[in-house]
Amino acid sequence: FCDDECNVRLCHYDKGDCEGENPPRRGGSKSSEHPKHIWKKQDTEDTDDLCSPTCPNSWIADGHCDNVCESVECGFDGGDCGLELIKANMVNVKIFPKVE
């Protein structure tokens, strides 16, 4: 399916899913107002500044856990992934001022 939010250069135009006149879209919408892209012929954005080649920066800390961004390098999707596990394993540490 063509995901409109991924039909951008940074996401490599949804890897070709948005090609054609009216590609199938999530939610059943079809529109000819979205530009057609030929994924294999697009010049791709440099991915050196990404934490993962498959995790666009716009997906980090967007309030949704994206599996492709769930890694140490991507900061577990900027905290979107695994918060319950992190909270459950936090140690309660009390810090007292130094007494002389």
PDB file of N, CA and C in Angstrom:
ATOM      1  N   PHE A   1       0.826  -1.181   0.000  1.00  0.00           N
ATOM      2  CA  PHE A   1       0.000   0.000   0.000  1.00  0.00           C
ATOM      3  C   PHE A   1       0.871   1.244   0.000  1.00  0.00           C
ATOM      4  N   CYS A   2       0.354   2.295  -0.596  1.00  0.00           N
ATOM      5  CA  CYS A   2       1.029   3.582  -0.590  1.00  0.00           C
ATOM      6  C   CYS A   2       0.688   4.301   0.713  1.00  0.00           C
ATOM      7  N   ASP A   3       1.701   4.618   1.493  1.00  0.00           N
ATOM      8  CA  ASP A   3       1.514   5.390   2.718  1.00  0.00           C
ATOM      9  C   ASP A   3       1.911   6.824   2.417  1.00  0.00           C
ATOM     10  N   ASP A   4       0.936   7.733   2.428  1.00  0.00           N
ATOM     11  CA  ASP A   4       1.202   9.117   2.050  1.00  0.00           C
ATOM     12  C   ASP A   4       2.324   9.736   2.865  1.00  0.00           C
ATOM     13  N   GLU A   5       2.381   9.425   4.178  1.00  0.00           N
ATOM     14  CA  GLU A   5       3.426  10.014   5.007  1.00  0.00           C
ATOM     15  C   GLU A   5       4.814   9.501   4.642  1.00  0.00           C
ATOM     16  N   CYS A   6       4.886   8.375   3.938  1.00  0.00           N
ATOM     17  CA  CYS A   6       6.174   7.822   3.504  1.00  0.00           C
ATOM     18  C   CYS A   6       6.480   8.159   2.046  1.00  0.00           C
ATOM     19  N   ASN A   7       5.587   8.839   1.366  1.00  0.00           N
ATOM     20  CA  ASN A   7       5.774   9.172  -0.043  1.00  0.00           C
ATOM     21  C   ASN A   7       6.577  10.466  -0.171  1.00  0.00           C
ATOM     22  N   VAL A   8       7.751  10.459   0.462  1.00  0.00           N
ATOM     23  CA  VAL A   8       8.670  11.599   0.439  1.00  0.00           C
ATOM     24  C   VAL A   8      10.075  11.088   0.176  1.00  0.00           C
ATOM     25  N   ARG A   9      10.938  11.990  -0.236  1.00  0.00           N
ATOM     26  CA  ARG A   9      12.297  11.605  -0.602  1.00  0.00           C
ATOM     27  C   ARG A   9      13.020  10.910   0.545  1.00  0.00           C
ATOM     28  N   LEU A  10      12.889  11.449   1.770  1.00  0.00           N
ATOM     29  CA  LEU A  10      13.581  10.881   2.921  1.00  0.00           C
ATOM     30  C   LEU A  10      13.228   9.411   3.131  1.00  0.00           C
ATOM     31  N   CYS A  11      11.996   9.038   2.812  1.00  0.00           N
ATOM     32  CA  CYS A  11      11.539   7.645   2.972  1.00  0.00           C
ATOM     33  C   CYS A  11      11.633   6.865   1.667  1.00  0.00           C
ATOM     34  N   HIS A  12      12.354   7.421   0.720  1.00  0.00           N
ATOM     35  CA  HIS A  12      12.543   6.761  -0.575  1.00  0.00           C
ATOM     36  C   HIS A  12      11.207   6.468  -1.253  1.00  0.00           C
ATOM     37  N   TYR A  13      10.274   7.412  -1.115  1.00  0.00           N
ATOM     38  CA  TYR A  13       8.973   7.347  -1.784  1.00  0.00           C
ATOM     39  C   TYR A  13       8.268   6.019  -1.545  1.00  0.00           C
ATOM     40  N   ASP A  14       8.252   5.610  -0.269  1.00  0.00           N
ATOM     41  CA  ASP A  14       7.563   4.389   0.155  1.00  0.00           C
ATOM     42  C   ASP A  14       8.020   3.178  -0.657  1.00  0.00           C
ATOM     43  N   LYS A  15       9.296   3.193  -1.036  1.00  0.00           N
ATOM     44  CA  LYS A  15       9.927   2.080  -1.774  1.00  0.00           C
ATOM     45  C   LYS A  15       9.138   1.654  -3.002  1.00  0.00           C
ATOM     46  N   GLY A  16       8.524   2.624  -3.677  1.00  0.00           N
ATOM     47  CA  GLY A  16       7.824   2.334  -4.922  1.00  0.00           C
ATOM     48  C   GLY A  16       6.354   2.012  -4.769  1.00  0.00           C
ATOM     49  N   ASP A  17       5.862   1.944  -3.531  1.00  0.00           N
ATOM     50  CA  ASP A  17       4.450   1.604  -3.332  1.00  0.00           C
ATOM     51  C   ASP A  17       3.503   2.675  -3.857  1.00  0.00           C
ATOM     52  N   CYS A  18       4.004   3.888  -4.087  1.00  0.00           N
ATOM     53  CA  CYS A  18       3.134   4.989  -4.521  1.00  0.00           C
ATOM     54  C   CYS A  18       3.215   5.228  -6.028  1.00  0.00           C
ATOM     55  N   GLU A  19       3.799   4.289  -6.772  1.00  0.00           N
ATOM     56  CA  GLU A  19       3.895   4.430  -8.220  1.00  0.00           C
ATOM     57  C   GLU A  19       2.534   4.203  -8.866  1.00  0.00           C
ATOM     58  N   GLY A  20       2.342   4.789 -10.033  1.00  0.00           N
ATOM     59  CA  GLY A  20       1.126   4.552 -10.804  1.00  0.00           C
ATOM     60  C   GLY A  20       0.122   5.672 -10.665  1.00  0.00           C
ATOM     61  N   GLU A  21      -0.962   5.569 -11.430  1.00  0.00           N
ATOM     62  CA  GLU A  21      -1.989   6.609 -11.443  1.00  0.00           C
ATOM     63  C   GLU A  21      -2.703   6.742 -10.110  1.00  0.00           C
ATOM     64  N   ASN A  22      -3.287   5.669  -9.613  1.00  0.00           N
ATOM     65  CA  ASN A  22      -4.012   5.678  -8.342  1.00  0.00           C
ATOM     66  C   ASN A  22      -3.648   4.434  -7.542  1.00  0.00           C
ATOM     67  N   PRO A  23      -2.465   4.425  -6.918  1.00  0.00           N
ATOM     68  CA  PRO A  23      -2.064   3.236  -6.171  1.00  0.00           C
ATOM     69  C   PRO A  23      -2.969   3.028  -4.961  1.00  0.00           C
ATOM     70  N   PRO A  24      -3.140   1.765  -4.532  1.00  0.00           N
ATOM     71  CA  PRO A  24      -3.954   1.518  -3.339  1.00  0.00           C
ATOM     72  C   PRO A  24      -3.311   2.182  -2.128  1.00  0.00           C
ATOM     73  N   ARG A  25      -4.128   2.841  -1.334  1.00  0.00           N
ATOM     74  CA  ARG A  25      -3.631   3.559  -0.164  1.00  0.00           C
ATOM     75  C   ARG A  25      -4.262   2.969   1.090  1.00  0.00           C
ATOM     76  N   ARG A  26      -3.569   3.117   2.187  1.00  0.00           N
ATOM     77  CA  ARG A  26      -4.128   2.678   3.463  1.00  0.00           C
ATOM     78  C   ARG A  26      -5.380   3.494   3.725  1.00  0.00           C
ATOM     79  N   GLY A  27      -6.413   2.864   4.177  1.00  0.00           N
ATOM     80  CA  GLY A  27      -7.671   3.538   4.418  1.00  0.00           C
ATOM     81  C   GLY A  27      -8.550   3.593   3.188  1.00  0.00           C
ATOM     82  N   GLY A  28      -8.065   3.060   2.070  1.00  0.00           N
ATOM     83  CA  GLY A  28      -8.869   2.978   0.867  1.00  0.00           C
ATOM     84  C   GLY A  28      -8.931   4.240   0.040  1.00  0.00           C
ATOM     85  N   SER A  29      -8.233   5.298   0.438  1.00  0.00           N
ATOM     86  CA  SER A  29      -8.303   6.529  -0.350  1.00  0.00           C
ATOM     87  C   SER A  29      -7.412   6.428  -1.572  1.00  0.00           C
ATOM     88  N   LYS A  30      -7.848   7.055  -2.643  1.00  0.00           N
ATOM     89  CA  LYS A  30      -7.051   7.131  -3.860  1.00  0.00           C
ATOM     90  C   LYS A  30      -7.053   8.588  -4.292  1.00  0.00           C
ATOM     91  N   SER A  31      -5.933   9.047  -4.785  1.00  0.00           N
ATOM     92  CA  SER A  31      -5.884  10.435  -5.204  1.00  0.00           C
ATOM     93  C   SER A  31      -4.830  10.599  -6.274  1.00  0.00           C
ATOM     94  N   SER A  32      -5.166  11.397  -7.272  1.00  0.00           N
ATOM     95  CA  SER A  32      -4.174  11.682  -8.307  1.00  0.00           C
ATOM     96  C   SER A  32      -3.391  12.939  -7.970  1.00  0.00           C
ATOM     97  N   GLU A  33      -3.687  13.565  -6.829  1.00  0.00           N
ATOM     98  CA  GLU A  33      -2.951  14.777  -6.481  1.00  0.00           C
ATOM     99  C   GLU A  33      -1.580  14.481  -5.882  1.00  0.00           C
ATOM    100  N   HIS A  34      -1.317  13.230  -5.525  1.00  0.00           N
ATOM    101  CA  HIS A  34       0.001  12.873  -5.011  1.00  0.00           C
ATOM    102  C   HIS A  34       0.933  12.602  -6.188  1.00  0.00           C
ATOM    103  N   PRO A  35       2.135  13.143  -6.140  1.00  0.00           N
ATOM    104  CA  PRO A  35       3.039  12.952  -7.275  1.00  0.00           C
ATOM    105  C   PRO A  35       3.437  11.494  -7.439  1.00  0.00           C
ATOM    106  N   LYS A  36       3.625  11.095  -8.677  1.00  0.00           N
ATOM    107  CA  LYS A  36       4.083   9.744  -8.966  1.00  0.00           C
ATOM    108  C   LYS A  36       5.606   9.735  -8.877  1.00  0.00           C
ATOM    109  N   HIS A  37       6.154   8.714  -8.270  1.00  0.00           N
ATOM    110  CA  HIS A  37       7.600   8.595  -8.151  1.00  0.00           C
ATOM    111  C   HIS A  37       8.019   7.219  -8.638  1.00  0.00           C
ATOM    112  N   ILE A  38       9.117   7.176  -9.318  1.00  0.00           N
ATOM    113  CA  ILE A  38       9.713   5.903  -9.714  1.00  0.00           C
ATOM    114  C   ILE A  38      10.854   5.676  -8.737  1.00  0.00           C
ATOM    115  N   TRP A  39      10.649   4.804  -7.742  1.00  0.00           N
ATOM    116  CA  TRP A  39      11.600   4.652  -6.656  1.00  0.00           C
ATOM    117  C   TRP A  39      12.994   4.319  -7.148  1.00  0.00           C
ATOM    118  N   LYS A  40      13.104   3.374  -8.071  1.00  0.00           N
ATOM    119  CA  LYS A  40      14.423   2.940  -8.514  1.00  0.00           C
ATOM    120  C   LYS A  40      15.194   4.041  -9.229  1.00  0.00           C
ATOM    121  N   LYS A  41      14.499   5.041  -9.746  1.00  0.00           N
ATOM    122  CA  LYS A  41      15.165   6.101 -10.494  1.00  0.00           C
ATOM    123  C   LYS A  41      15.387   7.361  -9.659  1.00  0.00           C
ATOM    124  N   GLN A  42      14.862   7.392  -8.436  1.00  0.00           N
ATOM    125  CA  GLN A  42      15.031   8.580  -7.608  1.00  0.00           C
ATOM    126  C   GLN A  42      16.440   8.605  -7.043  1.00  0.00           C
ATOM    127  N   ASP A  43      17.000   9.817  -6.951  1.00  0.00           N
ATOM    128  CA  ASP A  43      18.252   9.893  -6.217  1.00  0.00           C
ATOM    129  C   ASP A  43      17.860   9.868  -4.748  1.00  0.00           C
ATOM    130  N   THR A  44      18.564   9.075  -3.981  1.00  0.00           N
ATOM    131  CA  THR A  44      18.163   8.861  -2.601  1.00  0.00           C
ATOM    132  C   THR A  44      18.901   9.809  -1.679  1.00  0.00           C
ATOM    133  N   GLU A  45      18.242  10.144  -0.599  1.00  0.00           N
ATOM    134  CA  GLU A  45      18.835  11.030   0.386  1.00  0.00           C
ATOM    135  C   GLU A  45      19.917  10.288   1.140  1.00  0.00           C
ATOM    136  N   ASP A  46      20.964  11.000   1.483  1.00  0.00           N
ATOM    137  CA  ASP A  46      22.053  10.413   2.236  1.00  0.00           C
ATOM    138  C   ASP A  46      21.516   9.939   3.582  1.00  0.00           C
ATOM    139  N   THR A  47      21.769   8.695   3.913  1.00  0.00           N
ATOM    140  CA  THR A  47      21.255   8.151   5.165  1.00  0.00           C
ATOM    141  C   THR A  47      22.300   8.161   6.268  1.00  0.00           C
ATOM    142  N   ASP A  48      23.449   8.800   6.048  1.00  0.00           N
ATOM    143  CA  ASP A  48      24.492   8.829   7.071  1.00  0.00           C
ATOM    144  C   ASP A  48      24.040   9.533   8.345  1.00  0.00           C
ATOM    145  N   ASP A  49      23.108  10.490   8.234  1.00  0.00           N
ATOM    146  CA  ASP A  49      22.661  11.218   9.417  1.00  0.00           C
ATOM    147  C   ASP A  49      21.475  10.546  10.105  1.00  0.00           C
ATOM    148  N   LEU A  50      21.082   9.367   9.640  1.00  0.00           N
ATOM    149  CA  LEU A  50      19.983   8.631  10.258  1.00  0.00           C
ATOM    150  C   LEU A  50      20.537   7.609  11.241  1.00  0.00           C
ATOM    151  N   CYS A  51      19.775   7.310  12.287  1.00  0.00           N
ATOM    152  CA  CYS A  51      20.213   6.287  13.232  1.00  0.00           C
ATOM    153  C   CYS A  51      20.106   4.896  12.617  1.00  0.00           C
ATOM    154  N   SER A  52      19.243   4.752  11.621  1.00  0.00           N
ATOM    155  CA  SER A  52      19.056   3.504  10.891  1.00  0.00           C
ATOM    156  C   SER A  52      18.579   3.861   9.488  1.00  0.00           C
ATOM    157  N   PRO A  53      19.066   3.180   8.462  1.00  0.00           N
ATOM    158  CA  PRO A  53      18.638   3.516   7.097  1.00  0.00           C
ATOM    159  C   PRO A  53      17.135   3.389   6.876  1.00  0.00           C
ATOM    160  N   THR A  54      16.450   2.610   7.703  1.00  0.00           N
ATOM    161  CA  THR A  54      15.008   2.425   7.526  1.00  0.00           C
ATOM    162  C   THR A  54      14.176   3.238   8.507  1.00  0.00           C
ATOM    163  N   CYS A  55      14.826   4.070   9.322  1.00  0.00           N
ATOM    164  CA  CYS A  55      14.118   4.863  10.334  1.00  0.00           C
ATOM    165  C   CYS A  55      14.302   6.348  10.043  1.00  0.00           C
ATOM    166  N   PRO A  56      13.339   6.979   9.378  1.00  0.00           N
ATOM    167  CA  PRO A  56      13.448   8.415   9.103  1.00  0.00           C
ATOM    168  C   PRO A  56      13.440   9.223  10.399  1.00  0.00           C
ATOM    169  N   ASN A  57      14.187  10.314  10.419  1.00  0.00           N
ATOM    170  CA  ASN A  57      14.252  11.158  11.611  1.00  0.00           C
ATOM    171  C   ASN A  57      12.879  11.646  12.049  1.00  0.00           C
ATOM    172  N   SER A  58      11.962  11.818  11.112  1.00  0.00           N
ATOM    173  CA  SER A  58      10.630  12.321  11.456  1.00  0.00           C
ATOM    174  C   SER A  58       9.818  11.310  12.267  1.00  0.00           C
ATOM    175  N   TRP A  59      10.249  10.046  12.305  1.00  0.00           N
ATOM    176  CA  TRP A  59       9.539   9.033  13.072  1.00  0.00           C
ATOM    177  C   TRP A  59      10.018   8.975  14.518  1.00  0.00           C
ATOM    178  N   ILE A  60      11.186   9.559  14.824  1.00  0.00           N
ATOM    179  CA  ILE A  60      11.747   9.515  16.171  1.00  0.00           C
ATOM    180  C   ILE A  60      10.912  10.401  17.092  1.00  0.00           C
ATOM    181  N   ALA A  61      10.512   9.844  18.235  1.00  0.00           N
ATOM    182  CA  ALA A  61       9.772  10.579  19.268  1.00  0.00           C
ATOM    183  C   ALA A  61       8.506  11.231  18.725  1.00  0.00           C
ATOM    184  N   ASP A  62       7.777  10.489  17.880  1.00  0.00           N
ATOM    185  CA  ASP A  62       6.529  11.024  17.326  1.00  0.00           C
ATOM    186  C   ASP A  62       5.299  10.526  18.077  1.00  0.00           C
ATOM    187  N   GLY A  63       5.523   9.851  19.211  1.00  0.00           N
ATOM    188  CA  GLY A  63       4.404   9.355  20.006  1.00  0.00           C
ATOM    189  C   GLY A  63       3.923   7.978  19.604  1.00  0.00           C
ATOM    190  N   HIS A  64       4.605   7.340  18.649  1.00  0.00           N
ATOM    191  CA  HIS A  64       4.229   6.009  18.163  1.00  0.00           C
ATOM    192  C   HIS A  64       5.485   5.158  18.106  1.00  0.00           C
ATOM    193  N   CYS A  65       5.439   3.952  18.639  1.00  0.00           N
ATOM    194  CA  CYS A  65       6.593   3.054  18.598  1.00  0.00           C
ATOM    195  C   CYS A  65       6.706   2.441  17.210  1.00  0.00           C
ATOM    196  N   ASP A  66       7.767   2.816  16.490  1.00  0.00           N
ATOM    197  CA  ASP A  66       8.038   2.261  15.161  1.00  0.00           C
ATOM    198  C   ASP A  66       9.095   1.178  15.315  1.00  0.00           C
ATOM    199  N   ASN A  67       8.765  -0.055  14.937  1.00  0.00           N
ATOM    200  CA  ASN A  67       9.682  -1.179  15.126  1.00  0.00           C
ATOM    201  C   ASN A  67      11.033  -0.962  14.467  1.00  0.00           C
ATOM    202  N   VAL A  68      11.076  -0.304  13.320  1.00  0.00           N
ATOM    203  CA  VAL A  68      12.355  -0.096  12.637  1.00  0.00           C
ATOM    204  C   VAL A  68      13.230   0.910  13.375  1.00  0.00           C
ATOM    205  N   CYS A  69      12.655   1.649  14.317  1.00  0.00           N
ATOM    206  CA  CYS A  69      13.407   2.636  15.098  1.00  0.00           C
ATOM    207  C   CYS A  69      13.667   2.159  16.525  1.00  0.00           C
ATOM    208  N   GLU A  70      13.244   0.938  16.839  1.00  0.00           N
ATOM    209  CA  GLU A  70      13.379   0.407  18.197  1.00  0.00           C
ATOM    210  C   GLU A  70      14.754  -0.228  18.373  1.00  0.00           C
ATOM    211  N   SER A  71      15.759   0.629  18.563  1.00  0.00           N
ATOM    212  CA  SER A  71      17.132   0.164  18.740  1.00  0.00           C
ATOM    213  C   SER A  71      17.879   1.146  19.630  1.00  0.00           C
ATOM    214  N   VAL A  72      19.016   0.707  20.138  1.00  0.00           N
ATOM    215  CA  VAL A  72      19.858   1.586  20.953  1.00  0.00           C
ATOM    216  C   VAL A  72      20.278   2.796  20.134  1.00  0.00           C
ATOM    217  N   GLU A  73      20.678   2.565  18.866  1.00  0.00           N
ATOM    218  CA  GLU A  73      21.138   3.654  17.999  1.00  0.00           C
ATOM    219  C   GLU A  73      20.063   4.720  17.803  1.00  0.00           C
ATOM    220  N   CYS A  74      18.814   4.315  17.784  1.00  0.00           N
ATOM    221  CA  CYS A  74      17.698   5.254  17.584  1.00  0.00           C
ATOM    222  C   CYS A  74      17.048   5.659  18.900  1.00  0.00           C
ATOM    223  N   GLY A  75      17.698   5.337  20.019  1.00  0.00           N
ATOM    224  CA  GLY A  75      17.160   5.718  21.321  1.00  0.00           C
ATOM    225  C   GLY A  75      15.792   5.126  21.586  1.00  0.00           C
ATOM    226  N   PHE A  76      15.607   3.878  21.104  1.00  0.00           N
ATOM    227  CA  PHE A  76      14.313   3.199  21.234  1.00  0.00           C
ATOM    228  C   PHE A  76      13.193   4.122  20.778  1.00  0.00           C
ATOM    229  N   ASP A  77      13.389   4.628  19.553  1.00  0.00           N
ATOM    230  CA  ASP A  77      12.420   5.515  18.898  1.00  0.00           C
ATOM    231  C   ASP A  77      12.201   6.782  19.718  1.00  0.00           C
ATOM    232  N   GLY A  78      13.294   7.288  20.276  1.00  0.00           N
ATOM    233  CA  GLY A  78      13.215   8.526  21.049  1.00  0.00           C
ATOM    234  C   GLY A  78      12.342   8.391  22.283  1.00  0.00           C
ATOM    235  N   GLY A  79      12.260   7.169  22.814  1.00  0.00           N
ATOM    236  CA  GLY A  79      11.447   6.926  23.997  1.00  0.00           C
ATOM    237  C   GLY A  79      10.049   6.439  23.687  1.00  0.00           C
ATOM    238  N   ASP A  80       9.693   6.341  22.407  1.00  0.00           N
ATOM    239  CA  ASP A  80       8.357   5.850  22.053  1.00  0.00           C
ATOM    240  C   ASP A  80       8.209   4.355  22.311  1.00  0.00           C
ATOM    241  N   CYS A  81       9.306   3.607  22.283  1.00  0.00           N
ATOM    242  CA  CYS A  81       9.254   2.151  22.455  1.00  0.00           C
ATOM    243  C   CYS A  81       9.798   1.753  23.826  1.00  0.00           C
ATOM    244  N   GLY A  82       9.108   0.882  24.494  1.00  0.00           N
ATOM    245  CA  GLY A  82       9.616   0.282  25.717  1.00  0.00           C
ATOM    246  C   GLY A  82       9.526   1.129  26.965  1.00  0.00           C
ATOM    247  N   LEU A  83       8.727   2.178  26.975  1.00  0.00           N
ATOM    248  CA  LEU A  83       8.651   3.016  28.166  1.00  0.00           C
ATOM    249  C   LEU A  83       8.147   2.246  29.379  1.00  0.00           C
ATOM    250  N   GLU A  84       7.179   1.373  29.177  1.00  0.00           N
ATOM    251  CA  GLU A  84       6.646   0.608  30.309  1.00  0.00           C
ATOM    252  C   GLU A  84       7.729  -0.294  30.898  1.00  0.00           C
ATOM    253  N   LEU A  85       8.532  -0.916  30.045  1.00  0.00           N
ATOM    254  CA  LEU A  85       9.616  -1.769  30.518  1.00  0.00           C
ATOM    255  C   LEU A  85      10.658  -0.945  31.261  1.00  0.00           C
ATOM    256  N   ILE A  86      10.980   0.219  30.740  1.00  0.00           N
ATOM    257  CA  ILE A  86      11.961   1.089  31.392  1.00  0.00           C
ATOM    258  C   ILE A  86      11.439   1.523  32.757  1.00  0.00           C
ATOM    259  N   LYS A  87      10.190   1.968  32.807  1.00  0.00           N
ATOM    260  CA  LYS A  87       9.609   2.418  34.078  1.00  0.00           C
ATOM    261  C   LYS A  87       9.546   1.280  35.091  1.00  0.00           C
ATOM    262  N   ALA A  88       9.222   0.081  34.636  1.00  0.00           N
ATOM    263  CA  ALA A  88       9.101  -1.064  35.537  1.00  0.00           C
ATOM    264  C   ALA A  88      10.445  -1.477  36.118  1.00  0.00           C
ATOM    265  N   ASN A  89      11.533  -1.209  35.412  1.00  0.00           N
ATOM    266  CA  ASN A  89      12.854  -1.636  35.857  1.00  0.00           C
ATOM    267  C   ASN A  89      13.688  -0.518  36.461  1.00  0.00           C
ATOM    268  N   MET A  90      13.115   0.654  36.611  1.00  0.00           N
ATOM    269  CA  MET A  90      13.872   1.754  37.209  1.00  0.00           C
ATOM    270  C   MET A  90      14.070   1.479  38.692  1.00  0.00           C
ATOM    271  N   VAL A  91      15.232   1.799  39.160  1.00  0.00           N
ATOM    272  CA  VAL A  91      15.562   1.608  40.564  1.00  0.00           C
ATOM    273  C   VAL A  91      15.259   2.904  41.298  1.00  0.00           C
ATOM    274  N   ASN A  92      14.636   2.784  42.438  1.00  0.00           N
ATOM    275  CA  ASN A  92      14.328   3.951  43.253  1.00  0.00           C
ATOM    276  C   ASN A  92      15.585   4.341  44.018  1.00  0.00           C
ATOM    277  N   VAL A  93      16.201   5.423  43.641  1.00  0.00           N
ATOM    278  CA  VAL A  93      17.435   5.890  44.258  1.00  0.00           C
ATOM    279  C   VAL A  93      17.150   7.201  44.962  1.00  0.00           C
ATOM    280  N   LYS A  94      17.546   7.278  46.226  1.00  0.00           N
ATOM    281  CA  LYS A  94      17.399   8.514  46.981  1.00  0.00           C
ATOM    282  C   LYS A  94      18.784   9.108  47.194  1.00  0.00           C
ATOM    283  N   ILE A  95      18.890  10.366  46.947  1.00  0.00           N
ATOM    284  CA  ILE A  95      20.175  11.048  47.094  1.00  0.00           C
ATOM    285  C   ILE A  95      20.062  12.012  48.268  1.00  0.00           C
ATOM    286  N   PHE A  96      20.998  11.884  49.185  1.00  0.00           N
ATOM    287  CA  PHE A  96      21.022  12.755  50.350  1.00  0.00           C
ATOM    288  C   PHE A  96      22.233  13.676  50.255  1.00  0.00           C
ATOM    289  N   PRO A  97      22.098  14.889  50.749  1.00  0.00           N
ATOM    290  CA  PRO A  97      23.264  15.778  50.736  1.00  0.00           C
ATOM    291  C   PRO A  97      24.355  15.232  51.648  1.00  0.00           C
ATOM    292  N   LYS A  98      25.574  15.530  51.287  1.00  0.00           N
ATOM    293  CA  LYS A  98      26.724  15.075  52.067  1.00  0.00           C
ATOM    294  C   LYS A  98      26.683  15.729  53.445  1.00  0.00           C
ATOM    295  N   VAL A  99      26.790  14.910  54.473  1.00  0.00           N
ATOM    296  CA  VAL A  99      26.774  15.402  55.849  1.00  0.00           C
ATOM    297  C   VAL A  99      28.203  15.420  56.358  1.00  0.00           C
ATOM    298  N   GLU A 100      28.621  16.563  56.900  1.00  0.00           N
ATOM    299  CA  GLU A 100      29.988  16.662  57.432  1.00  0.00           C
ATOM    300  C   GLU A 100      29.997  16.742  58.913  1.00  0.00           C
TER     301      GLU A 100
END
